[in-house]
Amino acid sequence: MKILSLSKETFRGQIDHGITLVDFYDPSNKTCQEQLAIDEKLALDVRNKATITKVDIQQEKELAAEYGVSSVPTLMLFKDGYQVETWDGQQTKEVLEQPIINYATMGDSCV
């Protein structure tokens, strides 16, 4: 499944509603490329629960700085505009999937 690319212009509109996983990545980094492959598999499994997105930190340096991204990959989970989880470094599909499922089943009372 295709991962949605976000820019400074589209970021807020995407994270403000529902559950969104954002992968801040560097396209020239091998670990980031591996993480994006994991993200694609995750996107298939959670397609009805969350949107999986990516932000190229080379093109969106201001956005990466705003969210304190100092290493890649950095993954952040948002629910209705609130940052609810953060992971630094490559993560497995299972590590990312479980919080998504948890927040999806909590409804509006989780933040």
C-alpha atoms as a PDB file:
ATOM      1  CA  MET A   1       0.000   0.000   0.000  1.00  0.00           C
ATOM      2  CA  LYS A   2       1.251   3.479  -0.839  1.00  0.00           C
ATOM      3  CA  ILE A   3       2.417   5.670   2.023  1.00  0.00           C
ATOM      4  CA  LEU A   4       1.154   9.247   1.915  1.00  0.00           C
ATOM      5  CA  SER A   5       3.904  11.889   1.648  1.00  0.00           C
ATOM      6  CA  LEU A   6       3.357  14.943   3.823  1.00  0.00           C
ATOM      7  CA  SER A   7       4.712  18.467   3.534  1.00  0.00           C
ATOM      8  CA  LYS A   8       4.544  21.433   5.865  1.00  0.00           C
ATOM      9  CA  GLU A   9       1.395  22.492   3.985  1.00  0.00           C
ATOM     10  CA  THR A  10      -0.414  19.147   4.360  1.00  0.00           C
ATOM     11  CA  PHE A  11       0.922  17.924   7.713  1.00  0.00           C
ATOM     12  CA  ARG A  12      -1.516  19.577  10.142  1.00  0.00           C
ATOM     13  CA  GLY A  13      -4.576  18.753   8.046  1.00  0.00           C
ATOM     14  CA  GLN A  14      -3.602  15.072   8.061  1.00  0.00           C
ATOM     15  CA  ILE A  15      -2.754  14.627  11.744  1.00  0.00           C
ATOM     16  CA  ASP A  16      -5.723  16.625  13.066  1.00  0.00           C
ATOM     17  CA  HIS A  17      -8.273  13.854  12.426  1.00  0.00           C
ATOM     18  CA  GLY A  18      -8.061  10.184  13.296  1.00  0.00           C
ATOM     19  CA  ILE A  19      -4.899   8.183  13.827  1.00  0.00           C
ATOM     20  CA  THR A  20      -1.805   8.957  11.776  1.00  0.00           C
ATOM     21  CA  LEU A  21       1.650   7.419  11.930  1.00  0.00           C
ATOM     22  CA  VAL A  22       4.342   9.766  10.604  1.00  0.00           C
ATOM     23  CA  ASP A  23       7.744   8.408   9.567  1.00  0.00           C
ATOM     24  CA  PHE A  24      10.338  11.190   9.455  1.00  0.00           C
ATOM     25  CA  TYR A  25      12.965   9.753   7.111  1.00  0.00           C
ATOM     26  CA  ASP A  26      16.001  10.523   4.966  1.00  0.00           C
ATOM     27  CA  PRO A  27      15.661   8.929   1.508  1.00  0.00           C
ATOM     28  CA  SER A  28      19.421   8.325   1.282  1.00  0.00           C
ATOM     29  CA  ASN A  29      19.529   6.358   4.566  1.00  0.00           C
ATOM     30  CA  LYS A  30      19.415   2.549   4.242  1.00  0.00           C
ATOM     31  CA  THR A  31      17.702   2.048   7.618  1.00  0.00           C
ATOM     32  CA  CYS A  32      15.022   4.553   6.595  1.00  0.00           C
ATOM     33  CA  GLN A  33      14.434   2.648   3.356  1.00  0.00           C
ATOM     34  CA  GLU A  34      14.015  -0.564   5.357  1.00  0.00           C
ATOM     35  CA  GLN A  35      11.584   1.200   7.715  1.00  0.00           C
ATOM     36  CA  LEU A  36       9.511   2.433   4.774  1.00  0.00           C
ATOM     37  CA  ALA A  37       9.161  -1.176   3.579  1.00  0.00           C
ATOM     38  CA  ILE A  38       7.889  -2.102   7.059  1.00  0.00           C
ATOM     39  CA  ASP A  39       5.549   0.912   6.950  1.00  0.00           C
ATOM     40  CA  GLU A  40       4.066  -0.295   3.660  1.00  0.00           C
ATOM     41  CA  LYS A  41       3.196  -3.677   5.188  1.00  0.00           C
ATOM     42  CA  LEU A  42       1.764  -1.937   8.249  1.00  0.00           C
ATOM     43  CA  ALA A  43      -0.362   0.317   6.043  1.00  0.00           C
ATOM     44  CA  LEU A  44      -2.097  -2.746   4.603  1.00  0.00           C
ATOM     45  CA  ASP A  45      -2.834  -4.214   8.012  1.00  0.00           C
ATOM     46  CA  VAL A  46      -4.192  -1.011   9.602  1.00  0.00           C
ATOM     47  CA  ARG A  47      -5.783   0.629   6.553  1.00  0.00           C
ATOM     48  CA  ASN A  48      -9.173   0.930   8.260  1.00  0.00           C
ATOM     49  CA  LYS A  49      -7.704   2.165  11.548  1.00  0.00           C
ATOM     50  CA  ALA A  50      -4.907   4.604  10.680  1.00  0.00           C
ATOM     51  CA  THR A  51      -3.120   6.462   7.906  1.00  0.00           C
ATOM     52  CA  ILE A  52       0.584   5.748   7.454  1.00  0.00           C
ATOM     53  CA  THR A  53       2.564   8.749   6.227  1.00  0.00           C
ATOM     54  CA  LYS A  54       6.116   9.916   5.671  1.00  0.00           C
ATOM     55  CA  VAL A  55       8.025  13.194   5.814  1.00  0.00           C
ATOM     56  CA  ASP A  56      11.290  13.605   3.897  1.00  0.00           C
ATOM     57  CA  ILE A  57      13.501  15.516   6.344  1.00  0.00           C
ATOM     58  CA  GLN A  58      15.724  16.769   3.513  1.00  0.00           C
ATOM     59  CA  GLN A  59      12.784  18.533   1.863  1.00  0.00           C
ATOM     60  CA  GLU A  60      10.931  19.416   5.086  1.00  0.00           C
ATOM     61  CA  LYS A  61      13.745  20.535   7.414  1.00  0.00           C
ATOM     62  CA  GLU A  62      11.561  23.117   9.162  1.00  0.00           C
ATOM     63  CA  LEU A  63       8.871  20.553   9.933  1.00  0.00           C
ATOM     64  CA  ALA A  64      11.434  18.050  11.227  1.00  0.00           C
ATOM     65  CA  ALA A  65      12.939  20.739  13.469  1.00  0.00           C
ATOM     66  CA  GLU A  66       9.501  21.763  14.750  1.00  0.00           C
ATOM     67  CA  TYR A  67       8.922  18.185  15.948  1.00  0.00           C
ATOM     68  CA  GLY A  68      12.422  17.773  17.372  1.00  0.00           C
ATOM     69  CA  VAL A  69      13.591  15.123  14.929  1.00  0.00           C
ATOM     70  CA  SER A  70      17.309  14.634  15.569  1.00  0.00           C
ATOM     71  CA  SER A  71      17.802  11.139  14.132  1.00  0.00           C
ATOM     72  CA  VAL A  72      16.167   8.996  11.476  1.00  0.00           C
ATOM     73  CA  PRO A  73      13.995   7.187  11.256  1.00  0.00           C
ATOM     74  CA  THR A  74      11.822   8.859  13.864  1.00  0.00           C
ATOM     75  CA  LEU A  75       8.217   7.694  13.987  1.00  0.00           C
ATOM     76  CA  MET A  76       5.392   9.574  15.684  1.00  0.00           C
ATOM     77  CA  LEU A  77       1.834   8.477  16.254  1.00  0.00           C
ATOM     78  CA  PHE A  78      -0.862  11.151  16.358  1.00  0.00           C
ATOM     79  CA  LYS A  79      -4.493  10.856  17.392  1.00  0.00           C
ATOM     80  CA  ASP A  80      -6.788  13.767  16.548  1.00  0.00           C
ATOM     81  CA  GLY A  81      -3.864  16.204  16.432  1.00  0.00           C
ATOM     82  CA  TYR A  82      -2.131  15.031  19.617  1.00  0.00           C
ATOM     83  CA  GLN A  83       1.235  13.288  19.548  1.00  0.00           C
ATOM     84  CA  VAL A  84       0.662  10.127  21.591  1.00  0.00           C
ATOM     85  CA  GLU A  85       3.727   7.961  20.863  1.00  0.00           C
ATOM     86  CA  THR A  86       7.282   8.439  19.543  1.00  0.00           C
ATOM     87  CA  TRP A  87       9.899   5.910  18.473  1.00  0.00           C
ATOM     88  CA  ASP A  88      13.518   6.564  17.492  1.00  0.00           C
ATOM     89  CA  GLY A  89      15.212   4.143  15.123  1.00  0.00           C
ATOM     90  CA  GLN A  90      13.871   1.278  13.056  1.00  0.00           C
ATOM     91  CA  GLN A  91      10.793  -0.453  14.496  1.00  0.00           C
ATOM     92  CA  THR A  92       9.054  -3.707  13.673  1.00  0.00           C
ATOM     93  CA  LYS A  93       5.543  -3.804  12.269  1.00  0.00           C
ATOM     94  CA  GLU A  94       4.300  -5.385  15.495  1.00  0.00           C
ATOM     95  CA  VAL A  95       5.742  -2.633  17.704  1.00  0.00           C
ATOM     96  CA  LEU A  96       3.936   0.001  15.631  1.00  0.00           C
ATOM     97  CA  GLU A  97       0.730  -1.927  15.028  1.00  0.00           C
ATOM     98  CA  GLN A  98      -0.233  -2.604  18.653  1.00  0.00           C
ATOM     99  CA  PRO A  99      -0.499   1.065  19.747  1.00  0.00           C
ATOM    100  CA  ILE A 100      -2.478   1.858  16.595  1.00  0.00           C
ATOM    101  CA  ILE A 101      -4.964  -0.894  17.430  1.00  0.00           C
ATOM    102  CA  ASN A 102      -5.110   0.264  21.053  1.00  0.00           C
ATOM    103  CA  TYR A 103      -5.819   3.905  20.153  1.00  0.00           C
ATOM    104  CA  ALA A 104      -8.327   2.874  17.478  1.00  0.00           C
ATOM    105  CA  THR A 105     -10.356   0.887  20.013  1.00  0.00           C
ATOM    106  CA  MET A 106     -10.231   3.605  22.695  1.00  0.00           C
ATOM    107  CA  GLY A 107     -12.463   5.999  20.799  1.00  0.00           C
ATOM    108  CA  ASP A 108     -12.276   9.681  21.784  1.00  0.00           C
ATOM    109  CA  SER A 109     -11.305   9.201  25.427  1.00  0.00           C
ATOM    110  CA  CYS A 110      -7.609   8.454  24.933  1.00  0.00           C
ATOM    111  CA  VAL A 111      -6.166  11.964  24.702  1.00  0.00           C
END
